[in-house]
Amino acid sequence: MLFNLTLNNFSFDKSYKDFSLYSEFINKKIIKKDSVNLIYYKNSNLQKKIQQNIKKRDLNIQFSNFDFPFTISALNLFLLMIITFLIFFISLINIFRNKVEFINFSEEILKYYILKLSNIKYLPKNIYFNNSSWKYKPLWTYIAEKKGINIVVYFYSLSELEYKNNFDYKILQGHNSLCWNNYFSWNKEHSNYLKQISKVTPKIIEKKPFSLRDSDPSILNNFDFSNTIAIFDAAPYKKIFSDTFAMYSSEYRCYENVLSFLRDIDYLSNKYNLKIIYKTKKSNKRQISKFFLNHLKKLTDNPNFMLINDSISPKNYINKCLCSISYPFTSTAHFNEDKSKSIYYDPTGNIYLDDIGAHGINIINDKNKLDSFLYDIISK
């Protein structure tokens, strides 16, 4: 069972090859294609749209509006009705006592007892959470694990950590109280971080990067990658949009810094007569800075600067390129199988070289050092 996916996990465009996250699970031998797989998705209207799309692709997937499917015997159903009444009664008492903590948690308590009273035969064998919903481990998952259900957290991104600041690195809120027992990590450094922040001793299996989605990469069929740099930016949101995040990371990913990132690489690529294949983080014009888009057009006018669809997965081409240069700390850097050819480039010089957000990828924060890196790559 895949839990709490977002709309971005599904593809509606005809150019998309498949439901990529699902195929990633099959390729990594986490699930089997011929097995019945369940997806928890609350929005019923979008669920119908997704179902129609999946039916066309002949995928054996079912949907649930509840956190988990369940079947309860008549006796246990009667017990559940009594428990539901007690939860409701206690909630009323707490309203009069002005204690809302129990009321906020009452739904979780009810789900806990629903799963406890459910027939194990009809419950999922495996439930997979992702890093959109991992900061809080639901109460019902504890009884699920006691019933033998395997619950695992996987990651479709590694870019959620804050940047190290003033020689200090603060663990993100919620990361220092995690109690998940199982993870699929991307690499050794990611595994070490998960061990560091966990309140329990988790079982961690390294599964390499997960590709969230992938459209048809046929546009790249005749492209010569032998003299090409793959570059990946961060989303340079409009200031009015990025201010809502109220985080230092949104300040660092401003359009001025991202433009400096692109211009420095463009300058050096012209110096060494290299081509650039550039995949944007996001292409939503309502969110992305217009100033950035206007200046980007000047760069893409260069025939050696190729802008590709943001939905094409880097796994299709990154290992064919001379090297890859990513804006700190976009996840795409980890798709390069040769880590010596993948770097994070910080055009501001503000990112610390030992920032754990890099998860094992080398950081360069000086244009001259970037020049030396490219020269060494070409000389090999």
Protein backbone atom coordinates (compact mmCIF):
# COMPACT_ATOMS: atom_id res chain seq x y z
CA MET A 1 0.00 0.00 0.00
CA LEU A 2 1.36 3.41 -1.03
CA PHE A 3 0.28 5.96 1.55
CA ASN A 4 -0.54 9.64 1.10
CA LEU A 5 0.74 10.30 -2.42
CA THR A 6 0.34 13.77 -3.91
CA LEU A 7 -1.04 14.78 -7.30
CA ASN A 8 2.55 15.22 -8.53
CA ASN A 9 3.07 11.48 -8.13
CA PHE A 10 0.69 10.84 -11.01
CA SER A 11 0.94 11.70 -14.68
CA PHE A 12 -1.95 12.87 -16.85
CA ASP A 13 0.02 14.13 -19.83
CA LYS A 14 0.10 11.73 -22.79
CA SER A 15 3.84 12.35 -23.13
CA TYR A 16 4.49 10.57 -19.84
CA LYS A 17 5.91 7.08 -20.24
CA ASP A 18 4.26 5.62 -17.16
CA PHE A 19 3.31 6.13 -13.56
CA SER A 20 7.02 6.47 -12.76
CA LEU A 21 6.99 6.11 -9.00
CA TYR A 22 5.05 2.87 -9.35
CA SER A 23 7.49 1.51 -11.94
CA GLU A 24 10.39 2.51 -9.69
CA PHE A 25 8.93 0.30 -6.96
CA ILE A 26 8.68 -2.57 -9.43
CA ASN A 27 12.21 -2.08 -10.80
CA LYS A 28 13.66 -1.98 -7.30
CA LYS A 29 11.75 -5.22 -6.52
CA ILE A 30 9.78 -3.62 -3.72
CA ILE A 31 6.42 -4.59 -5.23
CA LYS A 32 5.36 -6.96 -8.03
CA LYS A 33 3.50 -5.79 -11.11
CA ASP A 34 0.99 -8.64 -10.97
CA SER A 35 0.18 -8.01 -7.30
CA VAL A 36 -2.83 -5.95 -6.26
CA ASN A 37 -1.44 -2.66 -4.94
CA LEU A 38 -3.45 -0.17 -2.96
CA ILE A 39 -3.07 3.61 -2.89
CA TYR A 40 -4.43 5.84 -0.15
CA TYR A 41 -5.73 9.07 -1.68
CA LYS A 42 -8.37 11.24 -0.01
CA ASN A 43 -9.60 13.50 -2.80
CA SER A 44 -12.37 11.45 -4.44
CA ASN A 45 -12.70 13.67 -7.54
CA LEU A 46 -9.01 13.49 -8.36
CA GLN A 47 -9.06 9.81 -7.46
CA LYS A 48 -11.49 9.15 -10.34
CA LYS A 49 -9.24 11.02 -12.74
CA ILE A 50 -6.23 9.03 -11.57
CA GLN A 51 -8.14 5.76 -11.84
CA GLN A 52 -9.05 6.48 -15.47
CA ASN A 53 -5.43 7.27 -16.26
CA ILE A 54 -4.12 4.15 -14.55
CA LYS A 55 -6.73 1.93 -16.25
CA LYS A 56 -5.34 2.99 -19.64
CA ARG A 57 -1.89 1.84 -18.55
CA ASP A 58 -3.08 -1.61 -17.41
CA LEU A 59 -1.84 -1.22 -13.84
CA ASN A 60 -3.25 -3.40 -11.07
CA ILE A 61 -4.00 -0.60 -8.59
CA GLN A 62 -6.91 0.01 -6.26
CA PHE A 63 -7.71 3.09 -4.15
CA SER A 64 -8.75 3.70 -0.56
CA ASN A 65 -10.27 6.85 0.98
CA PHE A 66 -9.34 5.57 4.43
CA ASP A 67 -5.83 5.20 5.83
CA PHE A 68 -5.99 1.42 5.42
CA PRO A 69 -8.53 -1.17 4.17
CA PHE A 70 -10.19 -3.20 6.92
CA THR A 71 -12.77 -5.89 7.61
CA ILE A 72 -14.28 -6.31 11.10
CA SER A 73 -16.35 -9.17 12.49
CA ALA A 74 -19.84 -8.50 13.89
CA LEU A 75 -18.62 -8.86 17.49
CA ASN A 76 -15.68 -6.53 16.96
CA LEU A 77 -17.93 -4.06 15.16
CA PHE A 78 -20.13 -3.94 18.27
CA LEU A 79 -17.01 -3.32 20.41
CA LEU A 80 -15.90 -0.58 18.02
CA MET A 81 -19.30 1.14 18.37
CA ILE A 82 -18.87 1.16 22.16
CA ILE A 83 -15.30 2.53 21.82
CA THR A 84 -16.52 5.21 19.39
CA PHE A 85 -19.20 6.28 21.88
CA LEU A 86 -16.63 6.43 24.70
CA ILE A 87 -14.26 8.55 22.58
CA PHE A 88 -17.14 10.89 21.74
CA PHE A 89 -18.23 11.08 25.40
CA ILE A 90 -14.70 11.79 26.66
CA SER A 91 -14.30 14.43 23.94
CA LEU A 92 -17.45 16.22 25.18
CA ILE A 93 -16.12 16.22 28.73
CA ASN A 94 -12.82 17.67 27.53
CA ILE A 95 -14.65 20.42 25.63
CA PHE A 96 -16.23 21.59 28.89
CA ARG A 97 -12.82 21.35 30.59
CA ASN A 98 -11.28 23.38 27.73
CA LYS A 99 -8.78 20.58 27.03
CA VAL A 100 -8.60 20.23 23.26
CA GLU A 101 -5.55 17.92 23.14
CA PHE A 102 -7.65 14.76 23.40
CA ILE A 103 -10.18 16.08 20.85
CA ASN A 104 -7.42 16.69 18.31
CA PHE A 105 -6.14 13.18 18.88
CA SER A 106 -9.50 11.40 19.03
CA GLU A 107 -9.52 10.48 15.31
CA GLU A 108 -6.10 8.84 15.69
CA ILE A 109 -7.32 6.86 18.70
CA LEU A 110 -10.35 5.63 16.73
CA LYS A 111 -8.14 4.52 13.80
CA TYR A 112 -5.91 2.70 16.29
CA TYR A 113 -8.86 0.62 17.56
CA ILE A 114 -10.28 0.05 14.07
CA LEU A 115 -6.99 -1.53 13.02
CA LYS A 116 -6.66 -3.41 16.32
CA LEU A 117 -10.09 -5.01 15.81
CA SER A 118 -9.62 -5.65 12.07
CA ASN A 119 -9.08 -9.08 10.54
CA ILE A 120 -5.36 -9.35 9.72
CA LYS A 121 -6.23 -11.36 6.61
CA TYR A 122 -7.62 -8.26 4.85
CA LEU A 123 -4.98 -5.76 5.93
CA PRO A 124 -2.06 -4.77 3.63
CA LYS A 125 1.18 -6.71 4.07
CA ASN A 126 3.30 -3.61 3.43
CA ILE A 127 2.59 0.11 3.78
CA TYR A 128 4.95 2.69 2.26
CA PHE A 129 5.06 6.27 3.53
CA ASN A 130 7.09 8.97 1.77
CA ASN A 131 8.96 12.05 2.97
CA SER A 132 5.87 14.23 2.51
CA SER A 133 4.29 12.58 5.53
CA TRP A 134 7.11 11.19 7.68
CA LYS A 135 7.50 13.79 10.46
CA TYR A 136 4.60 12.27 12.36
CA LYS A 137 4.16 8.53 12.69
CA PRO A 138 0.40 7.84 13.03
CA LEU A 139 -0.75 6.06 16.16
CA TRP A 140 -2.37 3.25 14.18
CA THR A 141 0.99 2.26 12.63
CA TYR A 142 2.21 0.99 16.01
CA ILE A 143 -0.58 -1.59 16.29
CA ALA A 144 -0.15 -2.35 12.56
CA GLU A 145 3.49 -3.33 13.17
CA LYS A 146 2.43 -5.50 16.12
CA LYS A 147 0.09 -7.30 13.71
CA GLY A 148 3.05 -8.02 11.42
CA ILE A 149 2.51 -5.30 8.81
CA ASN A 150 5.77 -4.00 7.36
CA ILE A 151 5.82 -0.17 7.37
CA VAL A 152 8.59 1.61 5.46
CA VAL A 153 9.47 5.24 4.74
CA TYR A 154 10.96 5.96 1.31
CA PHE A 155 12.22 9.25 -0.14
CA TYR A 156 11.55 10.81 -3.53
CA SER A 157 13.71 13.81 -2.60
CA LEU A 158 16.70 14.64 -0.39
CA SER A 159 16.45 18.41 -0.60
CA GLU A 160 14.32 19.23 2.45
CA LEU A 161 17.12 19.93 4.95
CA GLU A 162 17.96 23.51 5.92
CA TYR A 163 21.40 24.94 5.10
CA LYS A 164 24.11 25.05 7.75
CA ASN A 165 24.32 28.60 9.07
CA ASN A 166 26.94 30.40 11.23
CA PHE A 167 28.89 27.20 11.91
CA ASP A 168 25.72 25.70 13.33
CA TYR A 169 23.40 23.07 11.91
CA LYS A 170 19.93 22.78 13.33
CA ILE A 171 17.96 19.57 12.91
CA LEU A 172 14.63 20.37 11.26
CA GLN A 173 11.57 20.48 13.47
CA GLY A 174 10.14 16.98 13.75
CA HIS A 175 13.34 15.24 12.63
CA ASN A 176 14.65 14.73 16.16
CA SER A 177 11.69 12.65 17.34
CA LEU A 178 11.24 10.12 14.53
CA CYS A 179 10.28 6.57 15.50
CA TRP A 180 10.04 4.78 12.13
CA ASN A 181 11.52 1.28 12.17
CA ASN A 182 12.21 0.90 8.44
CA TYR A 183 13.64 3.16 5.73
CA PHE A 184 14.66 2.98 2.09
CA SER A 185 17.59 5.38 1.84
CA TRP A 186 19.46 6.74 -1.19
CA ASN A 187 23.05 6.20 -0.07
CA LYS A 188 25.37 5.61 2.90
CA GLU A 189 25.41 9.26 3.99
CA HIS A 190 21.62 9.41 3.91
CA SER A 191 21.50 6.21 6.00
CA ASN A 192 23.87 7.73 8.57
CA TYR A 193 21.69 10.83 8.86
CA LEU A 194 18.58 8.71 9.46
CA LYS A 195 20.39 6.75 12.17
CA GLN A 196 21.53 10.00 13.78
CA ILE A 197 18.04 11.51 14.09
CA SER A 198 16.05 8.36 14.93
CA LYS A 199 14.76 7.67 18.43
CA VAL A 200 14.86 3.95 17.63
CA THR A 201 17.42 1.79 15.84
CA PRO A 202 15.91 1.55 12.35
CA LYS A 203 16.48 -1.03 9.67
CA ILE A 204 17.75 0.82 6.60
CA ILE A 205 18.04 -0.57 3.07
CA GLU A 206 19.83 1.52 0.44
CA LYS A 207 17.67 1.61 -2.71
CA LYS A 208 19.37 4.48 -4.59
CA PRO A 209 17.32 7.47 -5.86
CA PHE A 210 13.61 7.23 -6.64
CA SER A 211 12.44 9.00 -9.78
CA LEU A 212 9.16 10.73 -9.07
CA ARG A 213 7.95 10.99 -12.66
CA ASP A 214 9.26 10.69 -16.19
CA SER A 215 7.87 11.92 -19.49
CA ASP A 216 8.92 10.67 -22.90
CA PRO A 217 12.67 11.42 -23.34
CA SER A 218 12.65 10.81 -27.12
CA ILE A 219 13.58 14.47 -27.63
CA LEU A 220 17.06 13.44 -26.47
CA ASN A 221 17.45 10.53 -28.91
CA ASN A 222 19.71 12.38 -31.34
CA PHE A 223 21.48 14.49 -28.78
CA ASP A 224 25.28 14.20 -28.45
CA PHE A 225 26.10 13.95 -24.74
CA SER A 226 29.86 13.43 -25.18
CA ASN A 227 30.69 17.11 -24.69
CA THR A 228 27.79 18.11 -22.46
CA ILE A 229 27.26 19.28 -18.89
CA ALA A 230 23.97 18.43 -17.19
CA ILE A 231 22.86 21.23 -14.87
CA PHE A 232 19.99 21.40 -12.39
CA ASP A 233 18.76 24.47 -10.57
CA ALA A 234 16.47 25.24 -7.63
CA ALA A 235 13.07 26.84 -8.14
CA PRO A 236 13.58 30.65 -8.14
CA TYR A 237 10.14 31.55 -6.84
CA LYS A 238 8.64 35.02 -6.94
CA LYS A 239 9.51 36.89 -3.76
CA ILE A 240 5.87 37.19 -2.72
CA PHE A 241 5.60 33.40 -3.02
CA SER A 242 8.93 32.44 -1.39
CA ASP A 243 8.30 34.76 1.59
CA THR A 244 5.47 32.45 2.66
CA PHE A 245 8.07 29.76 3.45
CA ALA A 246 9.83 32.07 5.97
CA MET A 247 13.00 29.98 5.72
CA TYR A 248 16.64 30.83 4.99
CA SER A 249 16.59 28.24 2.21
CA SER A 250 13.98 30.27 0.30
CA GLU A 251 16.21 33.35 0.59
CA TYR A 252 19.22 31.44 -0.72
CA ARG A 253 17.22 30.10 -3.66
CA CYS A 254 16.29 33.58 -4.86
CA TYR A 255 16.36 34.31 -8.59
CA GLU A 256 19.57 36.40 -8.29
CA ASN A 257 21.53 33.45 -6.90
CA VAL A 258 20.08 30.95 -9.36
CA LEU A 259 20.94 33.28 -12.25
CA SER A 260 24.50 33.60 -10.95
CA PHE A 261 24.66 29.80 -10.85
CA LEU A 262 23.58 29.55 -14.50
CA ARG A 263 25.73 32.42 -15.75
CA ASP A 264 28.92 31.10 -14.14
CA ILE A 265 28.42 27.68 -15.70
CA ASP A 266 27.44 29.20 -19.05
CA TYR A 267 30.60 31.35 -19.05
CA LEU A 268 32.86 28.36 -18.34
CA SER A 269 31.06 26.14 -20.86
CA ASN A 270 31.75 28.74 -23.56
CA LYS A 271 35.36 28.93 -22.41
CA TYR A 272 35.80 25.18 -22.89
CA ASN A 273 33.41 24.87 -25.84
CA LEU A 274 30.97 22.64 -23.93
CA LYS A 275 27.25 22.18 -24.41
CA ILE A 276 24.69 22.46 -21.62
CA ILE A 277 21.56 20.42 -21.07
CA TYR A 278 19.48 22.27 -18.50
CA LYS A 279 16.53 20.83 -16.58
CA THR A 280 14.54 23.32 -14.52
CA LYS A 281 13.25 22.42 -11.09
CA LYS A 282 9.81 23.85 -11.89
CA SER A 283 8.21 25.55 -14.87
CA ASN A 284 5.09 27.03 -13.26
CA LYS A 285 5.13 30.63 -14.57
CA ARG A 286 2.70 31.76 -11.87
CA GLN A 287 5.25 30.88 -9.17
CA ILE A 288 8.60 31.47 -10.89
CA SER A 289 10.12 34.96 -11.00
CA LYS A 290 9.40 36.77 -14.28
CA PHE A 291 12.76 38.51 -14.04
CA PHE A 292 14.42 35.11 -13.92
CA LEU A 293 12.43 33.81 -16.90
CA ASN A 294 13.32 36.86 -18.99
CA HIS A 295 17.04 36.44 -18.32
CA LEU A 296 16.83 32.69 -18.83
CA LYS A 297 15.55 33.30 -22.37
CA LYS A 298 18.81 35.10 -23.19
CA LEU A 299 20.78 32.04 -22.09
CA THR A 300 18.61 29.57 -24.00
CA ASP A 301 19.02 31.58 -27.20
CA ASN A 302 22.49 30.05 -27.32
CA PRO A 303 22.27 26.86 -29.49
CA ASN A 304 24.68 25.12 -27.08
CA PHE A 305 22.32 25.76 -24.15
CA MET A 306 19.46 23.25 -24.32
CA LEU A 307 16.46 23.62 -22.02
CA ILE A 308 14.44 20.41 -21.56
CA ASN A 309 11.08 19.57 -20.06
CA ASP A 310 11.19 19.55 -16.25
CA SER A 311 9.29 16.23 -16.22
CA ILE A 312 12.05 14.26 -17.98
CA SER A 313 13.89 12.22 -15.37
CA PRO A 314 17.65 12.85 -15.11
CA LYS A 315 18.18 9.07 -14.99
CA ASN A 316 17.65 9.10 -18.79
CA TYR A 317 20.75 11.14 -19.58
CA ILE A 318 22.81 12.24 -16.56
CA ASN A 319 25.30 9.35 -16.78
CA LYS A 320 25.87 10.01 -20.49
CA CYS A 321 27.11 13.55 -19.82
CA LEU A 322 30.65 14.67 -19.00
CA CYS A 323 29.49 15.71 -15.53
CA SER A 324 26.54 17.16 -13.65
CA ILE A 325 26.38 20.43 -11.71
CA SER A 326 23.49 21.00 -9.32
CA TYR A 327 22.29 23.90 -7.23
CA PRO A 328 22.55 23.08 -3.49
CA PHE A 329 20.92 20.79 -2.53
CA THR A 330 18.74 19.51 -5.36
CA SER A 331 18.22 15.74 -5.35
CA THR A 332 19.21 15.29 -9.00
CA ALA A 333 22.91 15.32 -8.06
CA HIS A 334 22.47 11.82 -6.64
CA PHE A 335 21.30 10.31 -9.94
CA ASN A 336 24.85 10.42 -11.28
CA GLU A 337 26.35 6.98 -10.67
CA ASP A 338 29.90 8.39 -10.72
CA LYS A 339 29.97 10.72 -7.70
CA SER A 340 33.32 12.19 -8.81
CA LYS A 341 31.47 13.69 -11.79
CA SER A 342 28.64 15.19 -9.75
CA ILE A 343 29.00 18.38 -7.70
CA TYR A 344 26.96 21.07 -5.99
CA TYR A 345 27.98 24.56 -7.05
CA ASP A 346 27.28 27.47 -4.72
CA PRO A 347 27.74 30.79 -6.60
CA THR A 348 27.55 32.86 -3.40
CA GLY A 349 30.32 31.25 -1.36
CA ASN A 350 27.93 31.03 1.61
CA ILE A 351 27.39 27.26 1.71
CA TYR A 352 29.69 25.38 4.09
CA LEU A 353 31.68 22.59 2.48
CA ASP A 354 30.79 20.17 5.30
CA ASP A 355 27.02 20.78 5.13
CA ILE A 356 25.34 17.41 5.71
CA GLY A 357 22.58 18.39 3.27
CA ALA A 358 24.93 17.35 0.45
CA HIS A 359 24.65 13.69 1.54
CA GLY A 360 28.06 12.77 0.13
CA ILE A 361 28.15 15.01 -2.98
CA ASN A 362 31.16 17.37 -3.20
CA ILE A 363 30.45 21.09 -2.81
CA ILE A 364 32.27 23.82 -4.76
CA ASN A 365 31.65 27.41 -3.64
CA ASP A 366 34.14 29.30 -5.77
CA LYS A 367 34.04 30.05 -9.50
CA ASN A 368 37.80 29.43 -9.94
CA LYS A 369 37.46 26.01 -8.31
CA LEU A 370 34.53 25.26 -10.62
CA ASP A 371 36.82 26.18 -13.51
CA SER A 372 39.45 23.72 -12.21
CA PHE A 373 36.81 21.00 -11.80
CA LEU A 374 35.67 21.34 -15.42
CA TYR A 375 39.25 21.47 -16.69
CA ASP A 376 40.05 18.22 -14.85
CA ILE A 377 36.92 16.54 -16.24
CA ILE A 378 37.80 17.53 -19.81
CA SER A 379 41.43 16.47 -19.40
CA LYS A 380 40.55 12.90 -18.39
